């Protein structure tokens, strides 16, 4: 029984949940969203099926955020989104991937929505989203699709059309999901 307990404590230590102190026993670590994100990101890499679940979560969260952003975004936030898309377009023209801009665009929408709780939830998911973006934005089709989707979302936000912003974000996420699903199927078949 002691060996099993040591093994379980070691697993928790590796995951950053507990820390062994010399002469002080084992203590529970303070909650770290970084540790949680790292663990979830590792799981995503190991289990590709979870990418689909992540996309489902995005579809639950981000379209309503886009609608709220259309209603609440300040002119400065809209200008910031426009700047982000300009940088994204320039990078793609140079053949570079725009992972940072993709992430920044979605985060800016969440900020513009004006819901601090939802922003905190999205911040926790950003690590996961960044991993999938880094993995799949290396594909030119995916990167171009991302930019096109962002443009439609921003157009609706700029026009202060919450319903259109919500639909555009949902379409954007579903489009990205379709590309990722095709890429995963091709890799499994290869």
N, C-alpha and C. Protein backbone atom coordinates (compact mmCIF):
# COMPACT_ATOMS: atom_id res chain seq x y z
N UNK A 1 0.82 -1.20 0.00
CA UNK A 1 0.00 0.00 0.00
C UNK A 1 0.86 1.25 0.00
N UNK A 2 1.95 1.25 0.72
CA UNK A 2 2.83 2.41 0.78
C UNK A 2 3.41 2.76 -0.59
N UNK A 3 3.76 1.74 -1.39
CA UNK A 3 4.30 1.99 -2.72
C UNK A 3 3.27 2.66 -3.62
N UNK A 4 2.02 2.25 -3.50
CA UNK A 4 0.96 2.87 -4.30
C UNK A 4 0.76 4.33 -3.91
N UNK A 5 0.81 4.60 -2.64
CA UNK A 5 0.66 5.97 -2.17
C UNK A 5 1.82 6.84 -2.66
N UNK A 6 3.03 6.32 -2.58
CA UNK A 6 4.20 7.07 -3.07
C UNK A 6 4.07 7.34 -4.57
N UNK A 7 3.62 6.34 -5.30
CA UNK A 7 3.45 6.49 -6.74
C UNK A 7 2.40 7.58 -7.05
N UNK A 8 1.27 7.55 -6.33
CA UNK A 8 0.22 8.54 -6.54
C UNK A 8 0.72 9.95 -6.21
N UNK A 9 1.48 10.07 -5.13
CA UNK A 9 2.03 11.37 -4.75
C UNK A 9 3.03 11.85 -5.81
N UNK A 10 3.81 10.94 -6.33
CA UNK A 10 4.78 11.29 -7.38
C UNK A 10 4.08 11.80 -8.63
N UNK A 11 2.98 11.15 -9.01
CA UNK A 11 2.20 11.60 -10.17
C UNK A 11 1.68 13.02 -9.92
N UNK A 12 1.14 13.25 -8.73
CA UNK A 12 0.64 14.58 -8.40
C UNK A 12 1.76 15.62 -8.39
N UNK A 13 2.94 15.21 -7.97
CA UNK A 13 4.09 16.12 -7.95
C UNK A 13 4.50 16.47 -9.38
N UNK A 14 4.56 15.50 -10.26
CA UNK A 14 4.93 15.74 -11.65
C UNK A 14 3.93 16.68 -12.32
N UNK A 15 2.67 16.56 -11.94
CA UNK A 15 1.62 17.41 -12.52
C UNK A 15 1.55 18.78 -11.85
N UNK A 16 2.37 19.00 -10.83
CA UNK A 16 2.40 20.31 -10.18
C UNK A 16 1.32 20.54 -9.15
N UNK A 17 0.63 19.47 -8.73
CA UNK A 17 -0.45 19.61 -7.76
C UNK A 17 0.10 19.67 -6.33
N UNK A 18 1.13 18.87 -6.07
CA UNK A 18 1.76 18.86 -4.75
C UNK A 18 3.26 19.07 -4.90
N UNK A 19 3.90 19.43 -3.78
CA UNK A 19 5.35 19.62 -3.79
C UNK A 19 5.92 18.97 -2.53
N UNK A 20 6.95 18.16 -2.74
CA UNK A 20 7.63 17.53 -1.60
C UNK A 20 8.65 18.50 -1.04
N UNK A 21 8.61 18.70 0.28
CA UNK A 21 9.58 19.57 0.95
C UNK A 21 10.50 18.73 1.81
N UNK A 22 11.78 18.97 1.66
CA UNK A 22 12.78 18.25 2.45
C UNK A 22 12.49 18.48 3.93
N UNK A 23 12.20 17.42 4.65
CA UNK A 23 11.94 17.50 6.08
C UNK A 23 10.61 18.13 6.44
N UNK A 24 9.80 18.49 5.43
CA UNK A 24 8.52 19.16 5.71
C UNK A 24 7.32 18.44 5.15
N UNK A 25 7.52 17.25 4.63
CA UNK A 25 6.40 16.50 4.07
C UNK A 25 6.00 16.97 2.69
N UNK A 26 4.81 16.63 2.31
CA UNK A 26 4.28 16.99 0.99
C UNK A 26 3.14 17.96 1.19
N UNK A 27 3.16 19.07 0.43
CA UNK A 27 2.11 20.08 0.56
C UNK A 27 1.43 20.31 -0.78
N UNK A 28 0.18 20.70 -0.70
CA UNK A 28 -0.59 21.01 -1.91
C UNK A 28 -0.15 22.37 -2.42
N UNK A 29 0.12 22.45 -3.70
CA UNK A 29 0.54 23.70 -4.34
C UNK A 29 -0.68 24.61 -4.53
N UNK A 30 -0.44 25.89 -4.63
CA UNK A 30 -1.51 26.82 -4.98
C UNK A 30 -1.96 26.50 -6.39
N UNK A 31 -3.24 26.70 -6.65
CA UNK A 31 -3.78 26.42 -7.98
C UNK A 31 -3.06 27.25 -9.02
N UNK A 32 -2.66 26.59 -10.08
CA UNK A 32 -1.97 27.29 -11.16
C UNK A 32 -2.70 27.02 -12.46
N UNK A 33 -3.22 28.08 -13.06
CA UNK A 33 -3.88 27.90 -14.36
C UNK A 33 -2.88 27.46 -15.41
N UNK A 34 -1.60 27.85 -15.23
CA UNK A 34 -0.56 27.41 -16.18
C UNK A 34 -0.42 25.90 -16.15
N UNK A 35 -0.41 25.33 -14.94
CA UNK A 35 -0.29 23.87 -14.83
C UNK A 35 -1.51 23.19 -15.45
N UNK A 36 -2.69 23.78 -15.23
CA UNK A 36 -3.90 23.22 -15.81
C UNK A 36 -3.84 23.29 -17.33
N UNK A 37 -3.46 24.42 -17.86
CA UNK A 37 -3.38 24.59 -19.31
C UNK A 37 -2.35 23.63 -19.89
N UNK A 38 -1.19 23.51 -19.23
CA UNK A 38 -0.14 22.60 -19.72
C UNK A 38 -0.65 21.16 -19.74
N UNK A 39 -1.35 20.78 -18.71
CA UNK A 39 -1.89 19.42 -18.65
C UNK A 39 -2.92 19.20 -19.76
N UNK A 40 -3.81 20.16 -19.94
CA UNK A 40 -4.83 20.02 -20.98
C UNK A 40 -4.21 20.06 -22.38
N UNK A 41 -3.22 20.90 -22.57
CA UNK A 41 -2.55 20.96 -23.87
C UNK A 41 -1.87 19.64 -24.18
N UNK A 42 -1.23 19.04 -23.18
CA UNK A 42 -0.61 17.73 -23.37
C UNK A 42 -1.63 16.68 -23.74
N UNK A 43 -2.79 16.76 -23.11
CA UNK A 43 -3.86 15.82 -23.41
C UNK A 43 -4.32 16.00 -24.85
N UNK A 44 -4.43 17.25 -25.29
CA UNK A 44 -4.85 17.49 -26.67
C UNK A 44 -3.89 16.87 -27.68
N UNK A 45 -2.62 17.01 -27.39
CA UNK A 45 -1.62 16.46 -28.30
C UNK A 45 -1.77 14.94 -28.36
N UNK A 46 -2.02 14.32 -27.20
CA UNK A 46 -2.13 12.86 -27.15
C UNK A 46 -3.46 12.36 -27.71
N UNK A 47 -4.47 13.13 -27.59
CA UNK A 47 -5.80 12.67 -28.00
C UNK A 47 -6.42 13.66 -28.96
N UNK A 48 -6.24 13.46 -30.22
CA UNK A 48 -6.71 14.41 -31.24
C UNK A 48 -8.22 14.59 -31.22
N UNK A 49 -8.95 13.60 -30.73
CA UNK A 49 -10.40 13.73 -30.69
C UNK A 49 -10.83 14.89 -29.82
N UNK A 50 -10.00 15.27 -28.87
CA UNK A 50 -10.35 16.38 -27.99
C UNK A 50 -10.34 17.72 -28.72
N UNK A 51 -9.67 17.78 -29.86
CA UNK A 51 -9.68 19.03 -30.64
C UNK A 51 -11.12 19.35 -31.03
N UNK A 52 -11.87 18.34 -31.42
CA UNK A 52 -13.26 18.56 -31.78
C UNK A 52 -14.04 19.09 -30.57
N UNK A 53 -13.78 18.55 -29.40
CA UNK A 53 -14.46 19.03 -28.19
C UNK A 53 -14.07 20.47 -27.89
N UNK A 54 -12.82 20.82 -28.10
CA UNK A 54 -12.38 22.19 -27.90
C UNK A 54 -13.13 23.13 -28.86
N UNK A 55 -13.29 22.69 -30.09
CA UNK A 55 -14.01 23.51 -31.06
C UNK A 55 -15.48 23.67 -30.64
N UNK A 56 -16.06 22.62 -30.06
CA UNK A 56 -17.42 22.73 -29.55
C UNK A 56 -17.51 23.77 -28.43
N UNK A 57 -16.52 23.76 -27.54
CA UNK A 57 -16.49 24.74 -26.46
C UNK A 57 -16.35 26.15 -27.04
N UNK A 58 -15.50 26.28 -28.02
CA UNK A 58 -15.36 27.59 -28.68
C UNK A 58 -16.68 28.04 -29.27
N UNK A 59 -17.42 27.12 -29.88
CA UNK A 59 -18.71 27.46 -30.48
C UNK A 59 -19.74 27.85 -29.42
N UNK A 60 -19.60 27.34 -28.23
CA UNK A 60 -20.50 27.72 -27.14
C UNK A 60 -20.17 29.12 -26.60
N UNK A 61 -18.88 29.43 -26.54
CA UNK A 61 -18.43 30.66 -25.90
C UNK A 61 -18.27 31.86 -26.83
N UNK A 62 -17.60 31.65 -27.94
CA UNK A 62 -17.17 32.80 -28.74
C UNK A 62 -18.26 33.49 -29.55
N UNK A 63 -19.25 32.80 -30.13
CA UNK A 63 -20.29 33.55 -30.85
C UNK A 63 -21.05 34.53 -29.96
N UNK A 64 -21.48 34.13 -28.76
CA UNK A 64 -22.13 35.14 -27.90
C UNK A 64 -21.19 36.28 -27.50
N UNK A 65 -19.90 35.98 -27.34
CA UNK A 65 -18.94 37.05 -27.04
C UNK A 65 -18.86 38.03 -28.20
N UNK A 66 -18.87 37.53 -29.42
CA UNK A 66 -18.82 38.40 -30.60
C UNK A 66 -20.07 39.28 -30.65
N UNK A 67 -21.22 38.71 -30.30
CA UNK A 67 -22.46 39.49 -30.28
C UNK A 67 -22.36 40.60 -29.23
N UNK A 68 -21.86 40.28 -28.06
CA UNK A 68 -21.69 41.29 -27.00
C UNK A 68 -20.67 42.35 -27.43
N UNK A 69 -19.62 41.92 -28.10
CA UNK A 69 -18.62 42.88 -28.57
C UNK A 69 -19.24 43.86 -29.57
N UNK A 70 -20.14 43.36 -30.41
CA UNK A 70 -20.80 44.25 -31.38
C UNK A 70 -21.63 45.31 -30.65
N UNK A 71 -22.15 44.96 -29.50
CA UNK A 71 -22.96 45.91 -28.74
C UNK A 71 -22.13 46.81 -27.83
N UNK A 72 -20.97 46.32 -27.37
CA UNK A 72 -20.24 47.03 -26.31
C UNK A 72 -18.85 47.53 -26.67
N UNK A 73 -18.29 47.13 -27.78
CA UNK A 73 -16.90 47.50 -28.10
C UNK A 73 -16.74 49.00 -28.23
N UNK A 74 -15.66 49.49 -27.67
CA UNK A 74 -15.34 50.91 -27.81
C UNK A 74 -14.73 51.14 -29.19
N UNK A 75 -14.75 52.38 -29.67
CA UNK A 75 -14.09 52.67 -30.95
C UNK A 75 -12.60 52.27 -30.92
N UNK A 76 -11.95 52.42 -29.77
CA UNK A 76 -10.54 52.03 -29.65
C UNK A 76 -10.36 50.53 -29.80
N UNK A 77 -11.28 49.75 -29.23
CA UNK A 77 -11.19 48.30 -29.35
C UNK A 77 -11.43 47.85 -30.80
N UNK A 78 -12.35 48.50 -31.47
CA UNK A 78 -12.59 48.17 -32.88
C UNK A 78 -11.36 48.52 -33.70
N UNK A 79 -10.77 49.65 -33.42
CA UNK A 79 -9.54 50.05 -34.11
C UNK A 79 -8.42 49.04 -33.84
N UNK A 80 -8.34 48.56 -32.61
CA UNK A 80 -7.33 47.55 -32.26
C UNK A 80 -7.56 46.26 -33.06
N UNK A 81 -8.82 45.85 -33.21
CA UNK A 81 -9.12 44.65 -34.00
C UNK A 81 -8.72 44.86 -35.45
N UNK A 82 -8.99 46.05 -35.98
CA UNK A 82 -8.60 46.35 -37.36
C UNK A 82 -7.08 46.27 -37.53
N UNK A 83 -6.36 46.79 -36.55
CA UNK A 83 -4.90 46.74 -36.57
C UNK A 83 -4.39 45.30 -36.53
N UNK A 84 -5.02 44.49 -35.71
CA UNK A 84 -4.63 43.08 -35.61
C UNK A 84 -4.79 42.38 -36.96
N UNK A 85 -5.93 42.62 -37.61
CA UNK A 85 -6.17 41.97 -38.91
C UNK A 85 -5.23 42.49 -39.99
N UNK A 86 -4.85 43.74 -39.90
CA UNK A 86 -3.87 44.29 -40.83
C UNK A 86 -2.53 43.58 -40.65
N UNK A 87 -2.10 43.40 -39.40
CA UNK A 87 -0.85 42.68 -39.14
C UNK A 87 -0.95 41.22 -39.57
N UNK A 88 -2.11 40.61 -39.34
CA UNK A 88 -2.31 39.21 -39.75
C UNK A 88 -2.20 39.08 -41.27
N UNK A 89 -2.84 39.99 -41.99
CA UNK A 89 -2.80 39.96 -43.46
C UNK A 89 -1.38 40.14 -43.98
N UNK A 90 -0.66 41.10 -43.39
CA UNK A 90 0.73 41.35 -43.82
C UNK A 90 1.62 40.12 -43.60
N UNK A 91 1.45 39.48 -42.46
CA UNK A 91 2.26 38.28 -42.18
C UNK A 91 1.96 37.19 -43.19
N UNK A 92 0.69 36.98 -43.49
CA UNK A 92 0.31 35.93 -44.43
C UNK A 92 0.85 36.24 -45.83
N UNK A 93 0.84 37.51 -46.22
CA UNK A 93 1.40 37.90 -47.52
C UNK A 93 2.88 37.57 -47.61
N UNK A 94 3.59 37.70 -46.48
CA UNK A 94 5.02 37.39 -46.45
C UNK A 94 5.27 35.89 -46.29
N UNK A 95 4.20 35.11 -46.18
CA UNK A 95 4.36 33.67 -46.02
C UNK A 95 4.61 33.26 -44.58
N UNK A 96 4.39 34.16 -43.66
CA UNK A 96 4.56 33.87 -42.24
C UNK A 96 3.22 33.46 -41.63
N UNK A 97 3.29 32.70 -40.55
CA UNK A 97 2.08 32.34 -39.85
C UNK A 97 1.77 33.43 -38.82
N UNK A 98 0.50 33.65 -38.56
CA UNK A 98 0.06 34.74 -37.69
C UNK A 98 -0.66 34.19 -36.46
N UNK A 99 0.00 33.29 -35.76
CA UNK A 99 -0.61 32.67 -34.58
C UNK A 99 -0.92 33.71 -33.51
N UNK A 100 0.03 34.61 -33.26
CA UNK A 100 -0.17 35.61 -32.22
C UNK A 100 -1.35 36.52 -32.55
N UNK A 101 -1.45 36.93 -33.80
CA UNK A 101 -2.53 37.81 -34.20
C UNK A 101 -3.89 37.09 -34.11
N UNK A 102 -3.91 35.82 -34.47
CA UNK A 102 -5.14 35.04 -34.38
C UNK A 102 -5.62 35.01 -32.92
N UNK A 103 -4.70 34.70 -32.02
CA UNK A 103 -5.04 34.65 -30.60
C UNK A 103 -5.44 36.02 -30.09
N UNK A 104 -4.70 37.05 -30.47
CA UNK A 104 -4.98 38.41 -30.01
C UNK A 104 -6.35 38.89 -30.48
N UNK A 105 -6.74 38.53 -31.69
CA UNK A 105 -8.04 38.94 -32.22
C UNK A 105 -9.16 38.38 -31.35
N UNK A 106 -9.10 37.10 -31.06
CA UNK A 106 -10.16 36.47 -30.26
C UNK A 106 -10.17 37.00 -28.82
N UNK A 107 -9.00 37.26 -28.27
CA UNK A 107 -8.91 37.81 -26.92
C UNK A 107 -9.46 39.23 -26.87
N UNK A 108 -9.21 40.01 -27.90
CA UNK A 108 -9.71 41.38 -27.95
C UNK A 108 -11.23 41.40 -28.03
N UNK A 109 -11.79 40.47 -28.77
CA UNK A 109 -13.26 40.36 -28.82
C UNK A 109 -13.81 40.05 -27.43
N UNK A 110 -13.16 39.13 -26.73
CA UNK A 110 -13.62 38.79 -25.38
C UNK A 110 -13.55 40.00 -24.46
N UNK A 111 -12.49 40.78 -24.56
CA UNK A 111 -12.37 42.00 -23.75
C UNK A 111 -13.47 43.00 -24.11
N UNK A 112 -13.71 43.15 -25.41
CA UNK A 112 -14.72 44.10 -25.87
C UNK A 112 -16.12 43.68 -25.44
N UNK A 113 -16.33 42.40 -25.22
CA UNK A 113 -17.64 41.92 -24.79
C UNK A 113 -18.00 42.45 -23.40
N UNK A 114 -16.97 42.77 -22.61
CA UNK A 114 -17.22 43.40 -21.32
C UNK A 114 -17.67 42.47 -20.22
N UNK A 115 -17.39 41.18 -20.34
CA UNK A 115 -17.76 40.23 -19.28
C UNK A 115 -16.48 39.67 -18.69
N UNK A 116 -16.13 40.12 -17.49
CA UNK A 116 -14.87 39.72 -16.87
C UNK A 116 -14.80 38.24 -16.55
N UNK A 117 -15.91 37.64 -16.18
CA UNK A 117 -15.92 36.20 -15.88
C UNK A 117 -15.62 35.40 -17.14
N UNK A 118 -16.27 35.76 -18.23
CA UNK A 118 -16.04 35.04 -19.48
C UNK A 118 -14.62 35.26 -19.97
N UNK A 119 -14.08 36.44 -19.76
CA UNK A 119 -12.70 36.71 -20.14
C UNK A 119 -11.75 35.80 -19.35
N UNK A 120 -12.01 35.62 -18.07
CA UNK A 120 -11.18 34.72 -17.25
C UNK A 120 -11.27 33.28 -17.76
N UNK A 121 -12.47 32.85 -18.13
CA UNK A 121 -12.63 31.50 -18.68
C UNK A 121 -11.85 31.37 -19.98
N UNK A 122 -11.97 32.36 -20.84
CA UNK A 122 -11.27 32.32 -22.12
C UNK A 122 -9.76 32.37 -21.92
N UNK A 123 -9.31 33.15 -20.94
CA UNK A 123 -7.87 33.21 -20.65
C UNK A 123 -7.33 31.82 -20.31
N UNK A 124 -8.12 31.04 -19.59
CA UNK A 124 -7.70 29.68 -19.24
C UNK A 124 -7.61 28.82 -20.49
N UNK A 125 -8.49 29.06 -21.44
CA UNK A 125 -8.50 28.26 -22.67
C UNK A 125 -7.46 28.73 -23.70
N UNK A 126 -6.92 29.93 -23.51
CA UNK A 126 -6.00 30.48 -24.51
C UNK A 126 -4.81 29.56 -24.75
N UNK A 127 -4.28 28.96 -23.70
CA UNK A 127 -3.17 28.03 -23.88
C UNK A 127 -3.54 26.88 -24.80
N UNK A 128 -4.73 26.34 -24.61
CA UNK A 128 -5.20 25.26 -25.48
C UNK A 128 -5.39 25.76 -26.90
N UNK A 129 -6.01 26.91 -27.02
CA UNK A 129 -6.26 27.47 -28.34
C UNK A 129 -4.95 27.76 -29.07
N UNK A 130 -3.98 28.27 -28.33
CA UNK A 130 -2.68 28.57 -28.93
C UNK A 130 -2.03 27.31 -29.46
N UNK A 131 -2.12 26.23 -28.69
CA UNK A 131 -1.53 24.96 -29.15
C UNK A 131 -2.18 24.50 -30.45
N UNK A 132 -3.52 24.54 -30.52
CA UNK A 132 -4.17 24.09 -31.76
C UNK A 132 -3.85 25.05 -32.90
N UNK A 133 -3.76 26.34 -32.60
CA UNK A 133 -3.41 27.29 -33.65
C UNK A 133 -2.00 27.05 -34.16
N UNK A 134 -1.07 26.86 -33.27
CA UNK A 134 0.32 26.60 -33.68
C UNK A 134 0.40 25.33 -34.53
N UNK A 135 -0.40 24.35 -34.17
CA UNK A 135 -0.36 23.07 -34.86
C UNK A 135 -1.03 23.15 -36.24
N UNK A 136 -2.14 23.90 -36.32
CA UNK A 136 -2.91 23.89 -37.56
C UNK A 136 -2.80 25.16 -38.39
N UNK A 137 -2.30 26.27 -37.83
CA UNK A 137 -2.16 27.48 -38.63
C UNK A 137 -0.96 27.43 -39.56
N UNK A 138 -0.16 26.37 -39.45
CA UNK A 138 0.96 26.24 -40.38
C UNK A 138 0.45 25.91 -41.78
N UNK A 139 -0.80 25.58 -41.87
CA UNK A 139 -1.43 25.27 -43.14
C UNK A 139 -1.96 26.57 -43.76
N UNK A 140 -1.58 26.83 -44.98
CA UNK A 140 -1.96 28.08 -45.66
C UNK A 140 -3.48 28.22 -45.78
N UNK A 141 -4.16 27.12 -46.11
CA UNK A 141 -5.62 27.17 -46.24
C UNK A 141 -6.25 27.59 -44.91
N UNK A 142 -5.77 27.01 -43.83
CA UNK A 142 -6.31 27.31 -42.49
C UNK A 142 -6.03 28.77 -42.13
N UNK A 143 -4.84 29.24 -42.43
CA UNK A 143 -4.48 30.62 -42.10
C UNK A 143 -5.33 31.62 -42.89
N UNK A 144 -5.55 31.35 -44.18
CA UNK A 144 -6.38 32.23 -45.01
C UNK A 144 -7.84 32.19 -44.55
N UNK A 145 -8.31 31.01 -44.21
CA UNK A 145 -9.68 30.86 -43.72
C UNK A 145 -9.87 31.65 -42.43
N UNK A 146 -8.86 31.61 -41.58
CA UNK A 146 -8.91 32.34 -40.32
C UNK A 146 -9.05 33.84 -40.59
N UNK A 147 -8.22 34.37 -41.46
CA UNK A 147 -8.28 35.80 -41.78
C UNK A 147 -9.64 36.17 -42.38
N UNK A 148 -10.14 35.38 -43.30
CA UNK A 148 -11.44 35.67 -43.91
C UNK A 148 -12.55 35.68 -42.87
N UNK A 149 -12.52 34.70 -41.99
CA UNK A 149 -13.52 34.64 -40.91
C UNK A 149 -13.43 35.83 -39.99
N UNK A 150 -12.21 36.21 -39.65
CA UNK A 150 -12.01 37.38 -38.78
C UNK A 150 -12.57 38.64 -39.42
N UNK A 151 -12.37 38.78 -40.72
CA UNK A 151 -12.87 39.98 -41.42
C UNK A 151 -14.39 40.08 -41.32
N UNK A 152 -15.08 38.95 -41.50
CA UNK A 152 -16.54 38.95 -41.42
C UNK A 152 -17.02 39.28 -40.01
N UNK A 153 -16.34 38.73 -39.02
CA UNK A 153 -16.71 39.02 -37.63
C UNK A 153 -16.51 40.51 -37.34
N UNK A 154 -15.37 41.03 -37.73
CA UNK A 154 -15.08 42.44 -37.47
C UNK A 154 -16.06 43.35 -38.20
N UNK A 155 -16.42 43.01 -39.42
CA UNK A 155 -17.38 43.82 -40.17
C UNK A 155 -18.70 43.94 -39.39
N UNK A 156 -19.16 42.83 -38.84
CA UNK A 156 -20.41 42.86 -38.07
C UNK A 156 -20.25 43.65 -36.77
N UNK A 157 -19.11 43.51 -36.12
CA UNK A 157 -18.87 44.26 -34.89
C UNK A 157 -18.82 45.76 -35.21
N UNK A 158 -18.11 46.11 -36.27
CA UNK A 158 -17.99 47.52 -36.66
C UNK A 158 -19.37 48.11 -36.97
N UNK A 159 -20.25 47.34 -37.57
CA UNK A 159 -21.59 47.82 -37.92
C UNK A 159 -22.56 47.77 -36.73
N UNK A 160 -22.08 47.26 -35.59
CA UNK A 160 -22.90 47.14 -34.37
C UNK A 160 -24.10 46.23 -34.61
N UNK A 161 -23.82 45.05 -35.24
CA UNK A 161 -24.86 44.07 -35.54
C UNK A 161 -24.58 42.79 -34.75
N UNK A 162 -25.10 42.70 -33.51
CA UNK A 162 -24.82 41.54 -32.66
C UNK A 162 -25.19 40.19 -33.30
N UNK A 163 -26.35 40.11 -33.91
CA UNK A 163 -26.76 38.84 -34.53
C UNK A 163 -25.82 38.42 -35.64
N UNK A 164 -25.43 39.37 -36.46
CA UNK A 164 -24.51 39.07 -37.56
C UNK A 164 -23.13 38.69 -37.03
N UNK A 165 -22.69 39.35 -35.95
CA UNK A 165 -21.39 39.02 -35.36
C UNK A 165 -21.40 37.60 -34.80
N UNK A 166 -22.50 37.25 -34.15
CA UNK A 166 -22.62 35.90 -33.59
C UNK A 166 -22.60 34.85 -34.70
N UNK A 167 -23.36 35.08 -35.76
CA UNK A 167 -23.40 34.13 -36.88
C UNK A 167 -22.03 34.04 -37.56
N UNK A 168 -21.38 35.17 -37.75
CA UNK A 168 -20.07 35.18 -38.41
C UNK A 168 -19.04 34.41 -37.58
N UNK A 169 -19.07 34.58 -36.26
CA UNK A 169 -18.12 33.86 -35.42
C UNK A 169 -18.41 32.36 -35.44
N UNK A 170 -19.67 31.99 -35.40
CA UNK A 170 -20.02 30.56 -35.44
C UNK A 170 -19.56 29.96 -36.77
N UNK A 171 -19.80 30.67 -37.87
CA UNK A 171 -19.38 30.19 -39.19
C UNK A 171 -17.85 30.07 -39.25
N UNK A 172 -17.17 31.05 -38.70
CA UNK A 172 -15.70 31.05 -38.67
C UNK A 172 -15.19 29.81 -37.92
N UNK A 173 -15.71 29.56 -36.75
CA UNK A 173 -15.25 28.42 -35.94
C UNK A 173 -15.57 27.10 -36.65
N UNK A 174 -16.75 26.99 -37.23
CA UNK A 174 -17.12 25.74 -37.94
C UNK A 174 -16.24 25.54 -39.17
N UNK A 175 -15.88 26.61 -39.85
CA UNK A 175 -14.99 26.52 -41.01
C UNK A 175 -13.62 26.01 -40.59
N UNK A 176 -13.10 26.57 -39.51
CA UNK A 176 -11.80 26.14 -38.98
C UNK A 176 -11.88 24.68 -38.56
N UNK A 177 -12.96 24.32 -37.90
CA UNK A 177 -13.14 22.93 -37.46
C UNK A 177 -13.14 21.97 -38.64
N UNK A 178 -13.80 22.34 -39.74
CA UNK A 178 -13.84 21.47 -40.92
C UNK A 178 -12.45 21.26 -41.50
N UNK A 179 -11.65 22.32 -41.54
CA UNK A 179 -10.29 22.21 -42.06
C UNK A 179 -9.45 21.32 -41.15
N UNK A 180 -9.56 21.51 -39.85
CA UNK A 180 -8.80 20.69 -38.89
C UNK A 180 -9.20 19.23 -39.01
N UNK A 181 -10.50 18.97 -39.13
CA UNK A 181 -10.98 17.59 -39.26
C UNK A 181 -10.42 16.93 -40.51
N UNK A 182 -10.42 17.67 -41.63
CA UNK A 182 -9.85 17.13 -42.87
C UNK A 182 -8.36 16.83 -42.71
N UNK A 183 -7.63 17.74 -42.07
CA UNK A 183 -6.18 17.54 -41.87
C UNK A 183 -5.90 16.34 -40.98
N UNK A 184 -6.69 16.21 -39.92
CA UNK A 184 -6.50 15.06 -39.03
C UNK A 184 -6.77 13.75 -39.76
N UNK A 185 -7.83 13.72 -40.57
CA UNK A 185 -8.17 12.52 -41.33
C UNK A 185 -7.05 12.18 -42.32
N UNK A 186 -6.50 13.21 -42.96
CA UNK A 186 -5.41 12.98 -43.92
C UNK A 186 -4.17 12.44 -43.21
N UNK A 187 -3.88 12.95 -42.03
CA UNK A 187 -2.71 12.47 -41.28
C UNK A 187 -2.88 11.04 -40.80
N UNK A 188 -4.09 10.70 -40.39
CA UNK A 188 -4.35 9.32 -39.95
C UNK A 188 -4.23 8.36 -41.13
N UNK A 189 -4.65 8.84 -42.32
CA UNK A 189 -4.59 8.01 -43.51
C UNK A 189 -3.20 7.88 -44.08
N UNK A 190 -2.33 8.82 -43.71
CA UNK A 190 -0.96 8.82 -44.27
C UNK A 190 -0.09 7.76 -43.66
